[in-house]
């Protein structure tokens, strides 16, 4: 278990290498290669990588409406009284 905790940050650094768009495929291949060295089957490690990617995308998608609402609020707050009457 401790080995897995140490390997994930190393894989994340490897994914920063600009070899693919957003590290697509690179992260999954890195998980399969590195975790197979410690005895975890490739299919399971790729599944963990995909679940992590999907979770990250879902959480980012939840934050998007909040960002847009805040951006709209700040834009409206900057308008002068003359602009808001027009």
C-alpha atoms as a PDB file:
ATOM      1  CA  UNK A   1       0.000   0.000   0.000  1.00  0.00           C
ATOM      2  CA  UNK A   2       2.781   2.428   0.866  1.00  0.00           C
ATOM      3  CA  UNK A   3       4.432   1.708  -2.465  1.00  0.00           C
ATOM      4  CA  UNK A   4       1.288   2.708  -4.336  1.00  0.00           C
ATOM      5  CA  UNK A   5       1.070   5.976  -2.418  1.00  0.00           C
ATOM      6  CA  UNK A   6       4.644   6.786  -3.393  1.00  0.00           C
ATOM      7  CA  UNK A   7       4.213   5.850  -7.056  1.00  0.00           C
ATOM      8  CA  UNK A   8       1.166   7.964  -7.893  1.00  0.00           C
ATOM      9  CA  UNK A   9       2.969  11.334  -7.515  1.00  0.00           C
ATOM     10  CA  UNK A  10       5.779  10.036  -9.733  1.00  0.00           C
ATOM     11  CA  UNK A  11       3.239   9.076 -12.380  1.00  0.00           C
ATOM     12  CA  UNK A  12       1.637  12.518 -12.091  1.00  0.00           C
ATOM     13  CA  UNK A  13       5.011  14.158 -12.779  1.00  0.00           C
ATOM     14  CA  UNK A  14       5.527  11.899 -15.795  1.00  0.00           C
ATOM     15  CA  UNK A  15       2.143  13.017 -17.115  1.00  0.00           C
ATOM     16  CA  UNK A  16       3.351  16.618 -17.152  1.00  0.00           C
ATOM     17  CA  UNK A  17       5.685  15.763 -20.041  1.00  0.00           C
ATOM     18  CA  UNK A  18       4.060  17.305 -23.132  1.00  0.00           C
ATOM     19  CA  UNK A  19       3.682  14.121 -25.160  1.00  0.00           C
ATOM     20  CA  UNK A  20      -0.091  14.033 -25.544  1.00  0.00           C
ATOM     21  CA  UNK A  21      -3.134  16.209 -25.046  1.00  0.00           C
ATOM     22  CA  UNK A  22      -3.715  16.474 -21.293  1.00  0.00           C
ATOM     23  CA  UNK A  23      -1.652  13.318 -20.764  1.00  0.00           C
ATOM     24  CA  UNK A  24      -4.339  11.150 -22.384  1.00  0.00           C
ATOM     25  CA  UNK A  25      -3.075   7.618 -22.633  1.00  0.00           C
ATOM     26  CA  UNK A  26       0.218   8.508 -20.981  1.00  0.00           C
ATOM     27  CA  UNK A  27      -1.266   8.369 -17.494  1.00  0.00           C
ATOM     28  CA  UNK A  28      -3.019   5.080 -18.161  1.00  0.00           C
ATOM     29  CA  UNK A  29       0.096   3.494 -19.704  1.00  0.00           C
ATOM     30  CA  UNK A  30       2.209   4.756 -16.808  1.00  0.00           C
ATOM     31  CA  UNK A  31      -0.211   3.245 -14.296  1.00  0.00           C
ATOM     32  CA  UNK A  32      -0.140  -0.094 -16.124  1.00  0.00           C
ATOM     33  CA  UNK A  33       3.654  -0.169 -16.413  1.00  0.00           C
ATOM     34  CA  UNK A  34       4.531   1.010 -12.913  1.00  0.00           C
ATOM     35  CA  UNK A  35       1.906  -0.941 -11.009  1.00  0.00           C
ATOM     36  CA  UNK A  36       2.694  -4.156 -12.888  1.00  0.00           C
ATOM     37  CA  UNK A  37       6.186  -3.884 -11.357  1.00  0.00           C
ATOM     38  CA  UNK A  38       4.665  -4.130  -7.865  1.00  0.00           C
ATOM     39  CA  UNK A  39       2.310  -6.981  -8.752  1.00  0.00           C
ATOM     40  CA  UNK A  40      -0.925  -5.170  -9.600  1.00  0.00           C
ATOM     41  CA  UNK A  41      -2.475  -6.371 -12.881  1.00  0.00           C
ATOM     42  CA  UNK A  42      -2.473  -3.938 -15.787  1.00  0.00           C
ATOM     43  CA  UNK A  43      -6.240  -3.986 -16.301  1.00  0.00           C
ATOM     44  CA  UNK A  44      -6.902  -3.031 -12.688  1.00  0.00           C
ATOM     45  CA  UNK A  45      -4.340  -0.231 -12.709  1.00  0.00           C
ATOM     46  CA  UNK A  46      -5.736   1.205 -15.956  1.00  0.00           C
ATOM     47  CA  UNK A  47      -9.231   1.046 -14.443  1.00  0.00           C
ATOM     48  CA  UNK A  48      -8.001   3.020 -11.421  1.00  0.00           C
ATOM     49  CA  UNK A  49      -6.400   5.597 -13.722  1.00  0.00           C
ATOM     50  CA  UNK A  50      -9.612   5.972 -15.741  1.00  0.00           C
ATOM     51  CA  UNK A  51     -11.768   6.329 -12.633  1.00  0.00           C
ATOM     52  CA  UNK A  52      -9.409   9.015 -11.375  1.00  0.00           C
ATOM     53  CA  UNK A  53      -9.555  10.880 -14.696  1.00  0.00           C
ATOM     54  CA  UNK A  54     -13.372  10.684 -14.886  1.00  0.00           C
ATOM     55  CA  UNK A  55     -13.700  11.843 -11.277  1.00  0.00           C
ATOM     56  CA  UNK A  56     -11.456  14.824 -11.976  1.00  0.00           C
ATOM     57  CA  UNK A  57     -13.448  15.767 -15.060  1.00  0.00           C
ATOM     58  CA  UNK A  58     -16.743  15.444 -13.198  1.00  0.00           C
ATOM     59  CA  UNK A  59     -15.553  17.635 -10.341  1.00  0.00           C
ATOM     60  CA  UNK A  60     -14.246  20.219 -12.799  1.00  0.00           C
ATOM     61  CA  UNK A  61     -17.610  20.179 -14.530  1.00  0.00           C
ATOM     62  CA  UNK A  62     -19.334  20.902 -11.231  1.00  0.00           C
ATOM     63  CA  UNK A  63     -17.123  23.926 -10.676  1.00  0.00           C
ATOM     64  CA  UNK A  64     -17.777  25.450 -14.090  1.00  0.00           C
ATOM     65  CA  UNK A  65     -21.253  26.887 -13.292  1.00  0.00           C
ATOM     66  CA  UNK A  66     -19.847  28.443 -10.123  1.00  0.00           C
ATOM     67  CA  UNK A  67     -17.001  30.052 -12.068  1.00  0.00           C
ATOM     68  CA  UNK A  68     -19.372  31.401 -14.720  1.00  0.00           C
ATOM     69  CA  UNK A  69     -21.753  32.799 -12.103  1.00  0.00           C
ATOM     70  CA  UNK A  70     -18.893  34.568 -10.322  1.00  0.00           C
ATOM     71  CA  UNK A  71     -17.556  35.928 -13.608  1.00  0.00           C
ATOM     72  CA  UNK A  72     -21.010  37.264 -14.540  1.00  0.00           C
ATOM     73  CA  UNK A  73     -21.392  38.836 -11.077  1.00  0.00           C
ATOM     74  CA  UNK A  74     -18.028  40.622 -11.333  1.00  0.00           C
ATOM     75  CA  UNK A  75     -18.771  41.849 -14.850  1.00  0.00           C
ATOM     76  CA  UNK A  76     -22.115  43.329 -13.745  1.00  0.00           C
ATOM     77  CA  UNK A  77     -20.510  44.956 -10.704  1.00  0.00           C
ATOM     78  CA  UNK A  78     -18.020  46.834 -12.910  1.00  0.00           C
ATOM     79  CA  UNK A  79     -20.691  48.542 -15.008  1.00  0.00           C
ATOM     80  CA  UNK A  80     -21.188  52.242 -14.436  1.00  0.00           C
ATOM     81  CA  UNK A  81     -24.711  53.574 -13.753  1.00  0.00           C
ATOM     82  CA  UNK A  82     -24.882  54.945 -17.317  1.00  0.00           C
ATOM     83  CA  UNK A  83     -24.121  51.535 -18.816  1.00  0.00           C
ATOM     84  CA  UNK A  84     -26.750  49.785 -16.717  1.00  0.00           C
ATOM     85  CA  UNK A  85     -29.469  52.240 -17.847  1.00  0.00           C
ATOM     86  CA  UNK A  86     -28.712  51.749 -21.544  1.00  0.00           C
END
